[in-house]
Amino acid sequence: GFYESIPDLGLQGVLQSDSPSNTAGYA
């Protein structure tokens, strides 16, 4: 889920190492 209007939100949520919504546990 990467939104056109705010791509930063999806990148931080899905990929950021310390994001609580990083479901994959990617770091």
PDB file of all heavy atoms in Angstrom:
ATOM      1  N   GLY A   1       0.782  -1.229   0.000  1.00  0.00           N
ATOM      2  CA  GLY A   1       0.000   0.000   0.000  1.00  0.00           C
ATOM      3  C   GLY A   1       0.813   1.278   0.000  1.00  0.00           C
ATOM      4  O   GLY A   1       1.132   1.817   1.057  1.00  0.00           O
ATOM      5  N   PHE A   2       1.167   1.764  -1.202  1.00  0.00           N
ATOM      6  CA  PHE A   2       1.881   3.025  -1.345  1.00  0.00           C
ATOM      7  C   PHE A   2       0.957   4.027  -2.029  1.00  0.00           C
ATOM      8  O   PHE A   2       0.551   3.828  -3.179  1.00  0.00           O
ATOM      9  CB  PHE A   2       3.160   2.828  -2.156  1.00  0.00           C
ATOM     10  CG  PHE A   2       4.134   1.888  -1.512  1.00  0.00           C
ATOM     11  CD1 PHE A   2       4.338   0.617  -2.019  1.00  0.00           C
ATOM     12  CD2 PHE A   2       4.838   2.267  -0.379  1.00  0.00           C
ATOM     13  CE1 PHE A   2       5.234  -0.259  -1.421  1.00  0.00           C
ATOM     14  CE2 PHE A   2       5.736   1.402   0.230  1.00  0.00           C
ATOM     15  CZ  PHE A   2       5.939   0.140  -0.288  1.00  0.00           C
ATOM     16  N   TYR A   3       0.638   5.110  -1.319  1.00  0.00           N
ATOM     17  CA  TYR A   3      -0.308   6.102  -1.809  1.00  0.00           C
ATOM     18  C   TYR A   3       0.365   7.167  -2.654  1.00  0.00           C
ATOM     19  O   TYR A   3       1.445   7.652  -2.307  1.00  0.00           O
ATOM     20  CB  TYR A   3      -1.052   6.758  -0.639  1.00  0.00           C
ATOM     21  CG  TYR A   3      -2.015   5.826   0.036  1.00  0.00           C
ATOM     22  CD1 TYR A   3      -1.595   5.027   1.094  1.00  0.00           C
ATOM     23  CD2 TYR A   3      -3.329   5.729  -0.393  1.00  0.00           C
ATOM     24  CE1 TYR A   3      -2.473   4.160   1.711  1.00  0.00           C
ATOM     25  CE2 TYR A   3      -4.211   4.868   0.223  1.00  0.00           C
ATOM     26  CZ  TYR A   3      -3.774   4.072   1.277  1.00  0.00           C
ATOM     27  OH  TYR A   3      -4.650   3.209   1.879  1.00  0.00           O
ATOM     28  N   GLU A   4      -0.278   7.535  -3.721  1.00  0.00           N
ATOM     29  CA  GLU A   4       0.248   8.553  -4.622  1.00  0.00           C
ATOM     30  C   GLU A   4       0.392   9.900  -3.921  1.00  0.00           C
ATOM     31  O   GLU A   4       1.377  10.610  -4.110  1.00  0.00           O
ATOM     32  CB  GLU A   4      -0.696   8.687  -5.813  1.00  0.00           C
ATOM     33  CG  GLU A   4      -0.141   9.498  -6.961  1.00  0.00           C
ATOM     34  CD  GLU A   4       0.848   8.717  -7.821  1.00  0.00           C
ATOM     35  OE1 GLU A   4       1.166   7.565  -7.495  1.00  0.00           O
ATOM     36  OE2 GLU A   4       1.307   9.283  -8.805  1.00  0.00           O
ATOM     37  N   SER A   5      -0.585  10.265  -3.127  1.00  0.00           N
ATOM     38  CA  SER A   5      -0.599  11.586  -2.513  1.00  0.00           C
ATOM     39  C   SER A   5       0.438  11.722  -1.401  1.00  0.00           C
ATOM     40  O   SER A   5       0.883  12.827  -1.099  1.00  0.00           O
ATOM     41  CB  SER A   5      -1.990  11.898  -1.948  1.00  0.00           C
ATOM     42  OG  SER A   5      -2.408  10.875  -1.066  1.00  0.00           O
ATOM     43  N   ILE A   6       0.820  10.615  -0.777  1.00  0.00           N
ATOM     44  CA  ILE A   6       1.809  10.670   0.304  1.00  0.00           C
ATOM     45  C   ILE A   6       2.634   9.384   0.292  1.00  0.00           C
ATOM     46  O   ILE A   6       2.474   8.486   1.130  1.00  0.00           O
ATOM     47  CB  ILE A   6       1.138  10.918   1.681  1.00  0.00           C
ATOM     48  CG1 ILE A   6       2.188  10.964   2.788  1.00  0.00           C
ATOM     49  CG2 ILE A   6       0.008   9.953   1.960  1.00  0.00           C
ATOM     50  CD1 ILE A   6       1.685  11.473   4.115  1.00  0.00           C
ATOM     51  N   PRO A   7       3.524   9.249  -0.699  1.00  0.00           N
ATOM     52  CA  PRO A   7       4.340   8.029  -0.789  1.00  0.00           C
ATOM     53  C   PRO A   7       5.219   7.823   0.431  1.00  0.00           C
ATOM     54  O   PRO A   7       5.539   6.687   0.785  1.00  0.00           O
ATOM     55  CB  PRO A   7       5.181   8.270  -2.054  1.00  0.00           C
ATOM     56  CG  PRO A   7       5.210   9.757  -2.228  1.00  0.00           C
ATOM     57  CD  PRO A   7       3.870  10.229  -1.740  1.00  0.00           C
ATOM     58  N   ASP A   8       5.601   8.928   1.080  1.00  0.00           N
ATOM     59  CA  ASP A   8       6.466   8.845   2.263  1.00  0.00           C
ATOM     60  C   ASP A   8       5.834   7.991   3.364  1.00  0.00           C
ATOM     61  O   ASP A   8       6.531   7.298   4.104  1.00  0.00           O
ATOM     62  CB  ASP A   8       6.724  10.247   2.816  1.00  0.00           C
ATOM     63  CG  ASP A   8       7.058  11.244   1.719  1.00  0.00           C
ATOM     64  OD1 ASP A   8       6.116  11.775   1.108  1.00  0.00           O
ATOM     65  OD2 ASP A   8       8.240  11.472   1.472  1.00  0.00           O
ATOM     66  N   LEU A   9       4.512   8.049   3.468  1.00  0.00           N
ATOM     67  CA  LEU A   9       3.810   7.326   4.526  1.00  0.00           C
ATOM     68  C   LEU A   9       3.970   5.821   4.361  1.00  0.00           C
ATOM     69  O   LEU A   9       4.298   5.099   5.312  1.00  0.00           O
ATOM     70  CB  LEU A   9       2.334   7.712   4.519  1.00  0.00           C
ATOM     71  CG  LEU A   9       1.456   7.089   5.607  1.00  0.00           C
ATOM     72  CD1 LEU A   9       1.948   7.499   6.981  1.00  0.00           C
ATOM     73  CD2 LEU A   9       0.001   7.523   5.417  1.00  0.00           C
ATOM     74  N   GLY A  10       3.766   5.315   3.147  1.00  0.00           N
ATOM     75  CA  GLY A  10       3.910   3.887   2.906  1.00  0.00           C
ATOM     76  C   GLY A  10       5.350   3.423   3.047  1.00  0.00           C
ATOM     77  O   GLY A  10       5.626   2.360   3.613  1.00  0.00           O
ATOM     78  N   LEU A  11       6.289   4.220   2.529  1.00  0.00           N
ATOM     79  CA  LEU A  11       7.690   3.837   2.626  1.00  0.00           C
ATOM     80  C   LEU A  11       8.124   3.713   4.082  1.00  0.00           C
ATOM     81  O   LEU A  11       8.794   2.748   4.462  1.00  0.00           O
ATOM     82  CB  LEU A  11       8.561   4.869   1.902  1.00  0.00           C
ATOM     83  CG  LEU A  11       8.400   4.945   0.380  1.00  0.00           C
ATOM     84  CD1 LEU A  11       9.185   6.121  -0.178  1.00  0.00           C
ATOM     85  CD2 LEU A  11       8.849   3.637  -0.274  1.00  0.00           C
ATOM     86  N   GLN A  12       7.739   4.699   4.896  1.00  0.00           N
ATOM     87  CA  GLN A  12       8.103   4.645   6.310  1.00  0.00           C
ATOM     88  C   GLN A  12       7.412   3.476   7.005  1.00  0.00           C
ATOM     89  O   GLN A  12       8.037   2.734   7.768  1.00  0.00           O
ATOM     90  CB  GLN A  12       7.741   5.965   6.991  1.00  0.00           C
ATOM     91  CG  GLN A  12       8.232   6.099   8.416  1.00  0.00           C
ATOM     92  CD  GLN A  12       7.272   5.530   9.448  1.00  0.00           C
ATOM     93  OE1 GLN A  12       6.092   5.342   9.150  1.00  0.00           O
ATOM     94  NE2 GLN A  12       7.761   5.272  10.646  1.00  0.00           N
ATOM     95  N   GLY A  13       6.116   3.305   6.747  1.00  0.00           N
ATOM     96  CA  GLY A  13       5.364   2.281   7.443  1.00  0.00           C
ATOM     97  C   GLY A  13       5.780   0.874   7.083  1.00  0.00           C
ATOM     98  O   GLY A  13       5.911   0.007   7.958  1.00  0.00           O
ATOM     99  N   VAL A  14       6.029   0.627   5.807  1.00  0.00           N
ATOM    100  CA  VAL A  14       6.303  -0.732   5.328  1.00  0.00           C
ATOM    101  C   VAL A  14       7.773  -1.110   5.460  1.00  0.00           C
ATOM    102  O   VAL A  14       8.102  -2.270   5.731  1.00  0.00           O
ATOM    103  CB  VAL A  14       5.855  -0.868   3.855  1.00  0.00           C
ATOM    104  CG1 VAL A  14       6.321  -2.184   3.250  1.00  0.00           C
ATOM    105  CG2 VAL A  14       4.337  -0.756   3.751  1.00  0.00           C
ATOM    106  N   LEU A  15       8.671  -0.135   5.298  1.00  0.00           N
ATOM    107  CA  LEU A  15      10.085  -0.461   5.160  1.00  0.00           C
ATOM    108  C   LEU A  15      10.983   0.008   6.297  1.00  0.00           C
ATOM    109  O   LEU A  15      12.067  -0.551   6.486  1.00  0.00           O
ATOM    110  CB  LEU A  15      10.611   0.139   3.846  1.00  0.00           C
ATOM    111  CG  LEU A  15      10.011  -0.409   2.561  1.00  0.00           C
ATOM    112  CD1 LEU A  15      10.522   0.380   1.358  1.00  0.00           C
ATOM    113  CD2 LEU A  15      10.343  -1.883   2.393  1.00  0.00           C
ATOM    114  N   GLN A  16      10.570   1.055   7.011  1.00  0.00           N
ATOM    115  CA  GLN A  16      11.448   1.598   8.050  1.00  0.00           C
ATOM    116  C   GLN A  16      11.718   0.539   9.122  1.00  0.00           C
ATOM    117  O   GLN A  16      10.802  -0.127   9.601  1.00  0.00           O
ATOM    118  CB  GLN A  16      10.808   2.823   8.690  1.00  0.00           C
ATOM    119  CG  GLN A  16      11.746   3.653   9.534  1.00  0.00           C
ATOM    120  CD  GLN A  16      12.683   4.517   8.698  1.00  0.00           C
ATOM    121  OE1 GLN A  16      12.289   4.981   7.637  1.00  0.00           O
ATOM    122  NE2 GLN A  16      13.892   4.724   9.167  1.00  0.00           N
ATOM    123  N   SER A  17      12.975   0.411   9.491  1.00  0.00           N
ATOM    124  CA  SER A  17      13.367  -0.664  10.416  1.00  0.00           C
ATOM    125  C   SER A  17      12.596  -0.655  11.721  1.00  0.00           C
ATOM    126  O   SER A  17      12.236  -1.712  12.253  1.00  0.00           O
ATOM    127  CB  SER A  17      14.872  -0.564  10.716  1.00  0.00           C
ATOM    128  OG  SER A  17      15.629  -0.736   9.545  1.00  0.00           O
ATOM    129  N   ASP A  18      12.323   0.550  12.269  1.00  0.00           N
ATOM    130  CA  ASP A  18      11.668   0.638  13.572  1.00  0.00           C
ATOM    131  C   ASP A  18      10.175   0.939  13.481  1.00  0.00           C
ATOM    132  O   ASP A  18       9.548   1.275  14.482  1.00  0.00           O
ATOM    133  CB  ASP A  18      12.347   1.703  14.433  1.00  0.00           C
ATOM    134  CG  ASP A  18      12.336   3.078  13.768  1.00  0.00           C
ATOM    135  OD1 ASP A  18      11.850   3.207  12.633  1.00  0.00           O
ATOM    136  OD2 ASP A  18      12.828   4.038  14.410  1.00  0.00           O
ATOM    137  N   SER A  19       9.594   0.803  12.305  1.00  0.00           N
ATOM    138  CA  SER A  19       8.164   1.091  12.154  1.00  0.00           C
ATOM    139  C   SER A  19       7.322  -0.031  12.752  1.00  0.00           C
ATOM    140  O   SER A  19       7.537  -1.210  12.441  1.00  0.00           O
ATOM    141  CB  SER A  19       7.805   1.251  10.671  1.00  0.00           C
ATOM    142  OG  SER A  19       6.396   1.275  10.500  1.00  0.00           O
ATOM    143  N   PRO A  20       6.330   0.303  13.583  1.00  0.00           N
ATOM    144  CA  PRO A  20       5.472  -0.736  14.155  1.00  0.00           C
ATOM    145  C   PRO A  20       4.572  -1.401  13.115  1.00  0.00           C
ATOM    146  O   PRO A  20       4.035  -2.474  13.369  1.00  0.00           O
ATOM    147  CB  PRO A  20       4.643   0.037  15.197  1.00  0.00           C
ATOM    148  CG  PRO A  20       4.667   1.455  14.744  1.00  0.00           C
ATOM    149  CD  PRO A  20       6.003   1.655  14.101  1.00  0.00           C
ATOM    150  N   SER A  21       4.394  -0.774  11.947  1.00  0.00           N
ATOM    151  CA  SER A  21       3.557  -1.372  10.898  1.00  0.00           C
ATOM    152  C   SER A  21       4.382  -2.080   9.835  1.00  0.00           C
ATOM    153  O   SER A  21       3.876  -2.424   8.768  1.00  0.00           O
ATOM    154  CB  SER A  21       2.672  -0.289  10.251  1.00  0.00           C
ATOM    155  OG  SER A  21       3.446   0.797   9.782  1.00  0.00           O
ATOM    156  N   ASN A  22       5.652  -2.319  10.127  1.00  0.00           N
ATOM    157  CA  ASN A  22       6.527  -3.075   9.239  1.00  0.00           C
ATOM    158  C   ASN A  22       6.233  -4.555   9.441  1.00  0.00           C
ATOM    159  O   ASN A  22       6.913  -5.260  10.185  1.00  0.00           O
ATOM    160  CB  ASN A  22       7.987  -2.740   9.562  1.00  0.00           C
ATOM    161  CG  ASN A  22       8.985  -3.426   8.655  1.00  0.00           C
ATOM    162  OD1 ASN A  22       8.692  -4.440   8.041  1.00  0.00           O
ATOM    163  ND2 ASN A  22      10.186  -2.873   8.600  1.00  0.00           N
ATOM    164  N   THR A  23       5.177  -5.019   8.778  1.00  0.00           N
ATOM    165  CA  THR A  23       4.654  -6.371   9.006  1.00  0.00           C
ATOM    166  C   THR A  23       5.663  -7.457   8.663  1.00  0.00           C
ATOM    167  O   THR A  23       5.697  -8.514   9.295  1.00  0.00           O
ATOM    168  CB  THR A  23       3.368  -6.574   8.185  1.00  0.00           C
ATOM    169  OG1 THR A  23       2.466  -5.512   8.476  1.00  0.00           O
ATOM    170  CG2 THR A  23       2.711  -7.894   8.510  1.00  0.00           C
ATOM    171  N   ALA A  24       6.499  -7.216   7.659  1.00  0.00           N
ATOM    172  CA  ALA A  24       7.456  -8.232   7.230  1.00  0.00           C
ATOM    173  C   ALA A  24       8.645  -8.354   8.181  1.00  0.00           C
ATOM    174  O   ALA A  24       9.393  -9.328   8.112  1.00  0.00           O
ATOM    175  CB  ALA A  24       7.955  -7.913   5.826  1.00  0.00           C
ATOM    176  N   GLY A  25       8.851  -7.359   9.064  1.00  0.00           N
ATOM    177  CA  GLY A  25      10.006  -7.390   9.944  1.00  0.00           C
ATOM    178  C   GLY A  25      11.300  -7.099   9.207  1.00  0.00           C
ATOM    179  O   GLY A  25      12.387  -7.472   9.657  1.00  0.00           O
ATOM    180  N   TYR A  26      11.212  -6.407   8.079  1.00  0.00           N
ATOM    181  CA  TYR A  26      12.375  -6.053   7.270  1.00  0.00           C
ATOM    182  C   TYR A  26      13.149  -4.936   7.959  1.00  0.00           C
ATOM    183  O   TYR A  26      12.562  -3.955   8.421  1.00  0.00           O
ATOM    184  CB  TYR A  26      11.894  -5.604   5.893  1.00  0.00           C
ATOM    185  CG  TYR A  26      12.941  -5.020   4.976  1.00  0.00           C
ATOM    186  CD1 TYR A  26      13.810  -5.835   4.257  1.00  0.00           C
ATOM    187  CD2 TYR A  26      13.026  -3.640   4.796  1.00  0.00           C
ATOM    188  CE1 TYR A  26      14.745  -5.297   3.392  1.00  0.00           C
ATOM    189  CE2 TYR A  26      13.960  -3.086   3.923  1.00  0.00           C
ATOM    190  CZ  TYR A  26      14.817  -3.917   3.232  1.00  0.00           C
ATOM    191  OH  TYR A  26      15.733  -3.372   2.364  1.00  0.00           O
ATOM    192  N   ALA A  27      14.464  -5.070   8.018  1.00  0.00           N
ATOM    193  CA  ALA A  27      15.303  -4.041   8.639  1.00  0.00           C
ATOM    194  C   ALA A  27      16.584  -3.901   7.836  1.00  0.00           C
ATOM    195  O   ALA A  27      17.348  -4.862   7.695  1.00  0.00           O
ATOM    196  CB  ALA A  27      15.622  -4.411  10.085  1.00  0.00           C
TER     197      ALA A  27
END
